[in-house]
């Protein structure tokens, strides 16, 4: 029986939800799905602990998400500063870029994002590039 069918069946006990979640600890989407069913079953059984656990899983996201998003945001700002900016001379643009690129939390973000690999696909001139 697939995990989704097992969840839909409504027969899982609270400890079985936890065991199932451990099985899918690297699958963010599946953890949120398990959380949805745990929350619903907890509501139906008036089980406050299962409701809490279900809500916790429903809100789950990978721990590297925030540092990666901050790093991407800083990189986008840095790229914009490298593009021609008619309001700044070259020296002013370089000084601002250096402050953004080397600001105090950049090193921390790099450390938190270490060993995380993402693929970015962009479109230039109608061609996809990675």
Protein backbone atom coordinates (compact mmCIF):
# COMPACT_ATOMS: atom_id res chain seq x y z
CA UNK A 1 0.00 0.00 0.00
CA UNK A 2 1.40 3.42 -0.91
CA UNK A 3 2.01 6.00 1.80
CA UNK A 4 -0.65 8.32 0.39
CA UNK A 5 -3.26 5.55 0.40
CA UNK A 6 -2.26 4.72 3.96
CA UNK A 7 -2.75 8.37 4.96
CA UNK A 8 -6.14 8.53 3.23
CA UNK A 9 -7.31 5.36 5.01
CA UNK A 10 -7.48 7.19 8.35
CA UNK A 11 -6.20 4.18 10.32
CA UNK A 12 -2.83 5.58 11.43
CA UNK A 13 -2.18 6.17 15.13
CA UNK A 14 -0.19 9.19 16.36
CA UNK A 15 3.00 7.17 16.76
CA UNK A 16 2.58 5.79 13.24
CA UNK A 17 2.37 9.32 11.82
CA UNK A 18 5.71 10.03 13.49
CA UNK A 19 7.26 6.84 12.11
CA UNK A 20 5.97 7.65 8.64
CA UNK A 21 7.34 11.20 8.90
CA UNK A 22 10.76 9.80 9.86
CA UNK A 23 10.65 7.66 6.72
CA UNK A 24 10.13 10.79 4.60
CA UNK A 25 12.39 13.15 6.55
CA UNK A 26 14.12 14.31 3.34
CA UNK A 27 10.89 14.90 1.39
CA UNK A 28 9.44 18.30 2.28
CA UNK A 29 6.26 17.83 0.25
CA UNK A 30 5.51 14.44 1.77
CA UNK A 31 6.08 15.79 5.29
CA UNK A 32 3.52 18.55 4.66
CA UNK A 33 1.08 15.96 3.30
CA UNK A 34 1.57 13.77 6.37
CA UNK A 35 1.01 16.88 8.48
CA UNK A 36 -2.27 17.61 6.70
CA UNK A 37 -3.64 14.16 7.44
CA UNK A 38 -2.28 14.12 11.01
CA UNK A 39 -3.91 17.50 11.66
CA UNK A 40 -7.25 16.37 10.20
CA UNK A 41 -7.20 13.11 12.15
CA UNK A 42 -6.23 14.97 15.33
CA UNK A 43 -9.18 17.36 14.86
CA UNK A 44 -11.57 14.43 14.32
CA UNK A 45 -10.30 12.64 17.44
CA UNK A 46 -9.88 15.85 19.49
CA UNK A 47 -6.22 14.85 20.01
CA UNK A 48 -4.39 18.09 20.81
CA UNK A 49 -0.94 16.51 20.55
CA UNK A 50 -1.68 15.12 17.08
CA UNK A 51 -3.15 18.48 16.01
CA UNK A 52 0.04 20.24 17.16
CA UNK A 53 2.24 17.69 15.41
CA UNK A 54 0.17 17.93 12.22
CA UNK A 55 0.40 21.73 12.18
CA UNK A 56 4.15 21.53 12.74
CA UNK A 57 4.55 19.24 9.73
CA UNK A 58 2.15 21.27 7.57
CA UNK A 59 4.41 24.31 8.03
CA UNK A 60 7.64 22.37 7.39
CA UNK A 61 10.24 23.73 5.00
CA UNK A 62 13.86 22.79 4.53
CA UNK A 63 16.18 24.54 7.00
CA UNK A 64 18.42 25.89 4.23
CA UNK A 65 15.57 27.78 2.57
CA UNK A 66 15.99 31.08 4.42
CA UNK A 67 19.78 31.44 4.01
CA UNK A 68 19.53 30.48 0.33
CA UNK A 69 16.77 33.03 -0.27
CA UNK A 70 18.81 35.75 1.48
CA UNK A 71 21.89 34.81 -0.54
CA UNK A 72 19.90 34.94 -3.78
CA UNK A 73 18.45 38.33 -2.83
CA UNK A 74 21.89 39.75 -2.07
CA UNK A 75 23.25 38.33 -5.32
CA UNK A 76 20.41 39.88 -7.32
CA UNK A 77 21.11 43.27 -5.73
CA UNK A 78 24.81 42.85 -6.50
CA UNK A 79 24.10 41.98 -10.15
CA UNK A 80 21.89 45.07 -10.50
CA UNK A 81 24.73 47.25 -9.20
CA UNK A 82 27.12 45.78 -11.75
CA UNK A 83 24.80 46.76 -14.58
CA UNK A 84 25.10 50.32 -15.90
CA UNK A 85 23.54 52.78 -13.47
CA UNK A 86 23.39 56.29 -14.88
CA UNK A 87 23.01 57.80 -11.39
CA UNK A 88 26.35 56.50 -10.09
CA UNK A 89 29.88 56.87 -11.28
CA UNK A 90 32.01 53.72 -11.47
CA UNK A 91 33.70 54.32 -8.10
CA UNK A 92 30.41 54.89 -6.23
CA UNK A 93 28.89 51.78 -7.81
CA UNK A 94 31.93 49.69 -6.84
CA UNK A 95 31.85 50.95 -3.24
CA UNK A 96 28.15 50.14 -2.86
CA UNK A 97 28.62 46.75 -4.53
CA UNK A 98 31.51 45.89 -2.21
CA UNK A 99 29.42 46.81 0.85
CA UNK A 100 26.58 44.57 -0.30
CA UNK A 101 28.80 41.72 -1.36
CA UNK A 102 30.97 41.74 1.74
CA UNK A 103 28.43 42.79 4.33
CA UNK A 104 28.61 41.25 7.77
CA UNK A 105 26.20 38.34 7.25
CA UNK A 106 27.47 37.30 3.81
CA UNK A 107 30.04 34.88 5.25
CA UNK A 108 27.41 33.40 7.60
CA UNK A 109 24.97 32.94 4.71
CA UNK A 110 27.67 31.26 2.65
CA UNK A 111 28.43 28.87 5.53
CA UNK A 112 24.73 28.05 6.05
CA UNK A 113 24.33 27.42 2.33
CA UNK A 114 27.44 25.26 2.05
CA UNK A 115 26.93 21.97 0.18
CA UNK A 116 23.56 23.14 -1.13
CA UNK A 117 23.34 22.99 -4.88
CA UNK A 118 20.65 24.63 -6.96
CA UNK A 119 20.17 24.90 -10.69
CA UNK A 120 19.01 28.19 -12.11
CA UNK A 121 17.56 28.30 -15.59
CA UNK A 122 17.37 31.63 -17.37
CA UNK A 123 16.33 32.64 -20.83
CA UNK A 124 18.65 34.77 -22.95
CA UNK A 125 17.71 35.51 -26.52
CA UNK A 126 15.07 32.78 -26.51
CA UNK A 127 17.51 30.04 -25.43
CA UNK A 128 17.46 28.37 -22.03
CA UNK A 129 20.78 28.38 -20.22
CA UNK A 130 21.76 26.75 -16.92
